[in-house]
Amino acid sequence: MRGFRAVCGAERTHHIRLDKIRGKDGEGIPYDTPYAILLESSEPVVVQYSRLDASRAELALMTTIAWTPEA
């Protein structure tokens, strides 16, 4: 799937919920489907990816990965 876009101004944060984002055609990322994310930026950015699996409240799992992609 392609066509998802988000814009973030300089020196700002932008939080994107992947269960809420929609592509140009209005389609979202399917549940229960593995996916990867490709980030493209014309400027250097710092990215923090967090994942919360809330499918079962008693077994919730959250992970965080932060990195600065090569420009």
PDB file of N, CA and C in Angstrom:
ATOM      1  N   MET A   1       0.849  -1.171   0.000  1.00  0.00           N
ATOM      2  CA  MET A   1       0.000   0.000   0.000  1.00  0.00           C
ATOM      3  C   MET A   1       0.892   1.230   0.000  1.00  0.00           C
ATOM      4  N   ARG A   2       0.488   2.206  -0.751  1.00  0.00           N
ATOM      5  CA  ARG A   2       1.215   3.470  -0.816  1.00  0.00           C
ATOM      6  C   ARG A   2       0.197   4.605  -0.789  1.00  0.00           C
ATOM      7  N   GLY A   3       0.706   5.825  -0.753  1.00  0.00           N
ATOM      8  CA  GLY A   3      -0.183   6.973  -0.848  1.00  0.00           C
ATOM      9  C   GLY A   3      -0.525   7.611   0.485  1.00  0.00           C
ATOM     10  N   PHE A   4       0.080   7.151   1.567  1.00  0.00           N
ATOM     11  CA  PHE A   4      -0.136   7.794   2.860  1.00  0.00           C
ATOM     12  C   PHE A   4       0.821   8.972   2.956  1.00  0.00           C
ATOM     13  N   ARG A   5       0.350  10.072   3.500  1.00  0.00           N
ATOM     14  CA  ARG A   5       1.184  11.266   3.582  1.00  0.00           C
ATOM     15  C   ARG A   5       0.874  12.014   4.862  1.00  0.00           C
ATOM     16  N   ALA A   6       1.925  12.512   5.493  1.00  0.00           N
ATOM     17  CA  ALA A   6       1.774  13.355   6.674  1.00  0.00           C
ATOM     18  C   ALA A   6       2.799  14.475   6.574  1.00  0.00           C
ATOM     19  N   VAL A   7       2.449  15.655   7.032  1.00  0.00           N
ATOM     20  CA  VAL A   7       3.327  16.812   6.970  1.00  0.00           C
ATOM     21  C   VAL A   7       3.549  17.329   8.381  1.00  0.00           C
ATOM     22  N   CYS A   8       4.806  17.631   8.689  1.00  0.00           N
ATOM     23  CA  CYS A   8       5.146  18.157  10.009  1.00  0.00           C
ATOM     24  C   CYS A   8       6.036  19.373   9.822  1.00  0.00           C
ATOM     25  N   GLY A   9       5.681  20.464  10.462  1.00  0.00           N
ATOM     26  CA  GLY A   9       6.475  21.691  10.358  1.00  0.00           C
ATOM     27  C   GLY A   9       7.798  21.582  11.090  1.00  0.00           C
ATOM     28  N   ALA A  10       8.698  22.529  10.822  1.00  0.00           N
ATOM     29  CA  ALA A  10      10.015  22.552  11.452  1.00  0.00           C
ATOM     30  C   ALA A  10       9.902  22.655  12.967  1.00  0.00           C
ATOM     31  N   GLU A  11      10.760  21.937  13.659  1.00  0.00           N
ATOM     32  CA  GLU A  11      10.842  21.944  15.125  1.00  0.00           C
ATOM     33  C   GLU A  11       9.506  21.638  15.782  1.00  0.00           C
ATOM     34  N   ARG A  12       8.770  20.708  15.205  1.00  0.00           N
ATOM     35  CA  ARG A  12       7.465  20.298  15.726  1.00  0.00           C
ATOM     36  C   ARG A  12       7.436  18.783  15.873  1.00  0.00           C
ATOM     37  N   THR A  13       6.449  18.303  16.581  1.00  0.00           N
ATOM     38  CA  THR A  13       6.203  16.862  16.632  1.00  0.00           C
ATOM     39  C   THR A  13       4.888  16.581  15.941  1.00  0.00           C
ATOM     40  N   HIS A  14       4.794  15.402  15.393  1.00  0.00           N
ATOM     41  CA  HIS A  14       3.568  15.000  14.703  1.00  0.00           C
ATOM     42  C   HIS A  14       3.301  13.545  15.063  1.00  0.00           C
ATOM     43  N   HIS A  15       2.169  13.303  15.689  1.00  0.00           N
ATOM     44  CA  HIS A  15       1.814  11.960  16.130  1.00  0.00           C
ATOM     45  C   HIS A  15       0.804  11.374  15.142  1.00  0.00           C
ATOM     46  N   ILE A  16       1.148  10.242  14.566  1.00  0.00           N
ATOM     47  CA  ILE A  16       0.304   9.613  13.559  1.00  0.00           C
ATOM     48  C   ILE A  16      -0.143   8.257  14.076  1.00  0.00           C
ATOM     49  N   ARG A  17      -1.428   8.083  14.237  1.00  0.00           N
ATOM     50  CA  ARG A  17      -1.961   6.775  14.628  1.00  0.00           C
ATOM     51  C   ARG A  17      -2.183   5.962  13.362  1.00  0.00           C
ATOM     52  N   LEU A  18      -1.483   4.848  13.278  1.00  0.00           N
ATOM     53  CA  LEU A  18      -1.564   4.050  12.058  1.00  0.00           C
ATOM     54  C   LEU A  18      -2.899   3.335  11.913  1.00  0.00           C
ATOM     55  N   ASP A  19      -3.683   3.256  12.973  1.00  0.00           N
ATOM     56  CA  ASP A  19      -5.027   2.688  12.832  1.00  0.00           C
ATOM     57  C   ASP A  19      -6.028   3.734  12.348  1.00  0.00           C
ATOM     58  N   LYS A  20      -5.590   4.995  12.284  1.00  0.00           N
ATOM     59  CA  LYS A  20      -6.479   6.087  11.858  1.00  0.00           C
ATOM     60  C   LYS A  20      -6.090   6.691  10.509  1.00  0.00           C
ATOM     61  N   ILE A  21      -4.837   6.538  10.087  1.00  0.00           N
ATOM     62  CA  ILE A  21      -4.373   7.183   8.847  1.00  0.00           C
ATOM     63  C   ILE A  21      -5.058   6.551   7.633  1.00  0.00           C
ATOM     64  N   ARG A  22      -5.332   7.377   6.639  1.00  0.00           N
ATOM     65  CA  ARG A  22      -5.976   6.917   5.408  1.00  0.00           C
ATOM     66  C   ARG A  22      -5.154   7.383   4.218  1.00  0.00           C
ATOM     67  N   GLY A  23      -5.110   6.570   3.179  1.00  0.00           N
ATOM     68  CA  GLY A  23      -4.405   6.919   1.951  1.00  0.00           C
ATOM     69  C   GLY A  23      -5.263   7.790   1.057  1.00  0.00           C
ATOM     70  N   LYS A  24      -4.755   8.088  -0.128  1.00  0.00           N
ATOM     71  CA  LYS A  24      -5.479   8.931  -1.084  1.00  0.00           C
ATOM     72  C   LYS A  24      -6.845   8.363  -1.440  1.00  0.00           C
ATOM     73  N   ASP A  25      -6.957   7.031  -1.449  1.00  0.00           N
ATOM     74  CA  ASP A  25      -8.214   6.379  -1.803  1.00  0.00           C
ATOM     75  C   ASP A  25      -9.134   6.161  -0.604  1.00  0.00           C
ATOM     76  N   GLY A  26      -8.705   6.625   0.592  1.00  0.00           N
ATOM     77  CA  GLY A  26      -9.520   6.478   1.793  1.00  0.00           C
ATOM     78  C   GLY A  26      -9.319   5.154   2.514  1.00  0.00           C
ATOM     79  N   GLU A  27      -8.447   4.309   1.986  1.00  0.00           N
ATOM     80  CA  GLU A  27      -8.213   2.996   2.577  1.00  0.00           C
ATOM     81  C   GLU A  27      -7.184   3.096   3.702  1.00  0.00           C
ATOM     82  N   GLY A  28      -7.427   2.338   4.772  1.00  0.00           N
ATOM     83  CA  GLY A  28      -6.498   2.306   5.889  1.00  0.00           C
ATOM     84  C   GLY A  28      -5.650   1.048   5.864  1.00  0.00           C
ATOM     85  N   ILE A  29      -4.712   0.964   6.803  1.00  0.00           N
ATOM     86  CA  ILE A  29      -3.877  -0.231   6.930  1.00  0.00           C
ATOM     87  C   ILE A  29      -4.746  -1.344   7.506  1.00  0.00           C
ATOM     88  N   PRO A  30      -4.791  -2.516   6.890  1.00  0.00           N
ATOM     89  CA  PRO A  30      -5.637  -3.603   7.383  1.00  0.00           C
ATOM     90  C   PRO A  30      -5.161  -4.103   8.753  1.00  0.00           C
ATOM     91  N   TYR A  31      -6.099  -4.454   9.609  1.00  0.00           N
ATOM     92  CA  TYR A  31      -5.762  -5.060  10.895  1.00  0.00           C
ATOM     93  C   TYR A  31      -5.228  -6.467  10.659  1.00  0.00           C
ATOM     94  N   ASP A  32      -4.460  -6.974  11.598  1.00  0.00           N
ATOM     95  CA  ASP A  32      -3.909  -8.334  11.531  1.00  0.00           C
ATOM     96  C   ASP A  32      -3.077  -8.572  10.284  1.00  0.00           C
ATOM     97  N   THR A  33      -2.423  -7.527   9.763  1.00  0.00           N
ATOM     98  CA  THR A  33      -1.570  -7.637   8.589  1.00  0.00           C
ATOM     99  C   THR A  33      -0.204  -7.039   8.918  1.00  0.00           C
ATOM    100  N   PRO A  34       0.864  -7.810   8.781  1.00  0.00           N
ATOM    101  CA  PRO A  34       2.192  -7.240   9.027  1.00  0.00           C
ATOM    102  C   PRO A  34       2.489  -6.117   8.028  1.00  0.00           C
ATOM    103  N   TYR A  35       3.232  -5.130   8.450  1.00  0.00           N
ATOM    104  CA  TYR A  35       3.565  -4.018   7.563  1.00  0.00           C
ATOM    105  C   TYR A  35       4.921  -3.440   7.941  1.00  0.00           C
ATOM    106  N   ALA A  36       5.487  -2.671   7.047  1.00  0.00           N
ATOM    107  CA  ALA A  36       6.714  -1.914   7.286  1.00  0.00           C
ATOM    108  C   ALA A  36       6.433  -0.469   6.917  1.00  0.00           C
ATOM    109  N   ILE A  37       7.269   0.421   7.400  1.00  0.00           N
ATOM    110  CA  ILE A  37       7.087   1.846   7.125  1.00  0.00           C
ATOM    111  C   ILE A  37       8.331   2.377   6.435  1.00  0.00           C
ATOM    112  N   LEU A  38       8.134   3.090   5.339  1.00  0.00           N
ATOM    113  CA  LEU A  38       9.209   3.780   4.648  1.00  0.00           C
ATOM    114  C   LEU A  38       8.995   5.275   4.870  1.00  0.00           C
ATOM    115  N   LEU A  39       9.965   5.935   5.470  1.00  0.00           N
ATOM    116  CA  LEU A  39       9.877   7.367   5.719  1.00  0.00           C
ATOM    117  C   LEU A  39      10.768   8.072   4.723  1.00  0.00           C
ATOM    118  N   GLU A  40      10.214   9.056   4.038  1.00  0.00           N
ATOM    119  CA  GLU A  40      10.986   9.883   3.126  1.00  0.00           C
ATOM    120  C   GLU A  40      10.835  11.337   3.550  1.00  0.00           C
ATOM    121  N   SER A  41      11.950  12.052   3.625  1.00  0.00           N
ATOM    122  CA  SER A  41      11.929  13.446   4.036  1.00  0.00           C
ATOM    123  C   SER A  41      12.989  14.217   3.265  1.00  0.00           C
ATOM    124  N   SER A  42      12.680  15.464   2.931  1.00  0.00           N
ATOM    125  CA  SER A  42      13.651  16.311   2.244  1.00  0.00           C
ATOM    126  C   SER A  42      14.625  16.953   3.236  1.00  0.00           C
ATOM    127  N   GLU A  43      14.368  16.813   4.519  1.00  0.00           N
ATOM    128  CA  GLU A  43      15.211  17.370   5.582  1.00  0.00           C
ATOM    129  C   GLU A  43      15.514  16.279   6.597  1.00  0.00           C
ATOM    130  N   PRO A  44      16.622  16.400   7.352  1.00  0.00           N
ATOM    131  CA  PRO A  44      16.907  15.428   8.413  1.00  0.00           C
ATOM    132  C   PRO A  44      15.812  15.464   9.482  1.00  0.00           C
ATOM    133  N   VAL A  45      15.427  14.303   9.950  1.00  0.00           N
ATOM    134  CA  VAL A  45      14.388  14.198  10.973  1.00  0.00           C
ATOM    135  C   VAL A  45      14.796  13.166  12.016  1.00  0.00           C
ATOM    136  N   VAL A  46      14.173  13.244  13.179  1.00  0.00           N
ATOM    137  CA  VAL A  46      14.288  12.212  14.199  1.00  0.00           C
ATOM    138  C   VAL A  46      12.941  11.523  14.257  1.00  0.00           C
ATOM    139  N   VAL A  47      12.949  10.213  14.187  1.00  0.00           N
ATOM    140  CA  VAL A  47      11.712   9.441  14.167  1.00  0.00           C
ATOM    141  C   VAL A  47      11.637   8.574  15.409  1.00  0.00           C
ATOM    142  N   GLN A  48      10.504   8.588  16.056  1.00  0.00           N
ATOM    143  CA  GLN A  48      10.259   7.670  17.167  1.00  0.00           C
ATOM    144  C   GLN A  48       9.032   6.856  16.827  1.00  0.00           C
ATOM    145  N   TYR A  49       9.200   5.556  16.756  1.00  0.00           N
ATOM    146  CA  TYR A  49       8.100   4.661  16.425  1.00  0.00           C
ATOM    147  C   TYR A  49       7.708   3.915  17.682  1.00  0.00           C
ATOM    148  N   SER A  50       6.448   4.037  18.062  1.00  0.00           N
ATOM    149  CA  SER A  50       5.931   3.325  19.226  1.00  0.00           C
ATOM    150  C   SER A  50       4.808   2.417  18.776  1.00  0.00           C
ATOM    151  N   ARG A  51       4.727   1.264  19.400  1.00  0.00           N
ATOM    152  CA  ARG A  51       3.656   0.329  19.052  1.00  0.00           C
ATOM    153  C   ARG A  51       3.010  -0.174  20.316  1.00  0.00           C
ATOM    154  N   LEU A  52       1.705  -0.089  20.359  1.00  0.00           N
ATOM    155  CA  LEU A  52       0.936  -0.594  21.481  1.00  0.00           C
ATOM    156  C   LEU A  52      -0.024  -1.642  20.955  1.00  0.00           C
ATOM    157  N   ASP A  53       0.142  -2.856  21.398  1.00  0.00           N
ATOM    158  CA  ASP A  53      -0.776  -3.934  21.033  1.00  0.00           C
ATOM    159  C   ASP A  53      -1.821  -4.015  22.130  1.00  0.00           C
ATOM    160  N   ALA A  54      -2.977  -3.486  21.848  1.00  0.00           N
ATOM    161  CA  ALA A  54      -4.053  -3.452  22.838  1.00  0.00           C
ATOM    162  C   ALA A  54      -5.171  -4.428  22.480  1.00  0.00           C
ATOM    163  N   SER A  55      -4.835  -5.477  21.744  1.00  0.00           N
ATOM    164  CA  SER A  55      -5.864  -6.437  21.342  1.00  0.00           C
ATOM    165  C   SER A  55      -6.437  -7.180  22.545  1.00  0.00           C
ATOM    166  N   ARG A  56      -5.640  -7.318  23.599  1.00  0.00           N
ATOM    167  CA  ARG A  56      -6.115  -7.920  24.855  1.00  0.00           C
ATOM    168  C   ARG A  56      -5.553  -7.079  25.990  1.00  0.00           C
ATOM    169  N   ALA A  57      -6.410  -6.424  26.733  1.00  0.00           N
ATOM    170  CA  ALA A  57      -5.983  -5.481  27.763  1.00  0.00           C
ATOM    171  C   ALA A  57      -5.006  -6.101  28.757  1.00  0.00           C
ATOM    172  N   GLU A  58      -5.229  -7.344  29.128  1.00  0.00           N
ATOM    173  CA  GLU A  58      -4.362  -7.971  30.130  1.00  0.00           C
ATOM    174  C   GLU A  58      -2.982  -8.345  29.580  1.00  0.00           C
ATOM    175  N   LEU A  59      -2.799  -8.264  28.254  1.00  0.00           N
ATOM    176  CA  LEU A  59      -1.522  -8.613  27.644  1.00  0.00           C
ATOM    177  C   LEU A  59      -0.953  -7.474  26.801  1.00  0.00           C
ATOM    178  N   ALA A  60      -1.289  -6.231  27.119  1.00  0.00           N
ATOM    179  CA  ALA A  60      -0.830  -5.093  26.315  1.00  0.00           C
ATOM    180  C   ALA A  60       0.699  -5.032  26.285  1.00  0.00           C
ATOM    181  N   LEU A  61       1.233  -4.719  25.141  1.00  0.00           N
ATOM    182  CA  LEU A  61       2.675  -4.636  24.926  1.00  0.00           C
ATOM    183  C   LEU A  61       2.976  -3.346  24.194  1.00  0.00           C
ATOM    184  N   MET A  62       3.968  -2.598  24.686  1.00  0.00           N
ATOM    185  CA  MET A  62       4.356  -1.379  23.999  1.00  0.00           C
ATOM    186  C   MET A  62       5.855  -1.391  23.767  1.00  0.00           C
ATOM    187  N   THR A  63       6.267  -1.020  22.573  1.00  0.00           N
ATOM    188  CA  THR A  63       7.685  -0.911  22.261  1.00  0.00           C
ATOM    189  C   THR A  63       7.946   0.452  21.645  1.00  0.00           C
ATOM    190  N   THR A  64       9.179   0.913  21.757  1.00  0.00           N
ATOM    191  CA  THR A  64       9.554   2.192  21.171  1.00  0.00           C
ATOM    192  C   THR A  64      10.918   2.060  20.503  1.00  0.00           C
ATOM    193  N   ILE A  65      11.016   2.613  19.316  1.00  0.00           N
ATOM    194  CA  ILE A  65      12.281   2.653  18.586  1.00  0.00           C
ATOM    195  C   ILE A  65      12.463   4.094  18.115  1.00  0.00           C
ATOM    196  N   ALA A  66      13.623   4.654  18.339  1.00  0.00           N
ATOM    197  CA  ALA A  66      13.911   6.019  17.857  1.00  0.00           C
ATOM    198  C   ALA A  66      15.183   5.997  17.026  1.00  0.00           C
ATOM    199  N   TRP A  67      15.195   6.735  15.943  1.00  0.00           N
ATOM    200  CA  TRP A  67      16.390   6.804  15.100  1.00  0.00           C
ATOM    201  C   TRP A  67      16.356   8.065  14.246  1.00  0.00           C
ATOM    202  N   THR A  68      17.514   8.415  13.729  1.00  0.00           N
ATOM    203  CA  THR A  68      17.640   9.518  12.784  1.00  0.00           C
ATOM    204  C   THR A  68      18.088   8.922  11.460  1.00  0.00           C
ATOM    205  N   PRO A  69      17.209   8.865  10.458  1.00  0.00           N
ATOM    206  CA  PRO A  69      17.601   8.314   9.159  1.00  0.00           C
ATOM    207  C   PRO A  69      18.713   9.134   8.509  1.00  0.00           C
ATOM    208  N   GLU A  70      19.514   8.481   7.710  1.00  0.00           N
ATOM    209  CA  GLU A  70      20.540   9.189   6.934  1.00  0.00           C
ATOM    210  C   GLU A  70      19.865  10.130   5.948  1.00  0.00           C
ATOM    211  N   ALA A  71      20.365  11.338   5.813  1.00  0.00           N
ATOM    212  CA  ALA A  71      19.783  12.300   4.877  1.00  0.00           C
ATOM    213  C   ALA A  71      20.361  12.116   3.490  1.00  0.00           C
TER     214      ALA A  71
END
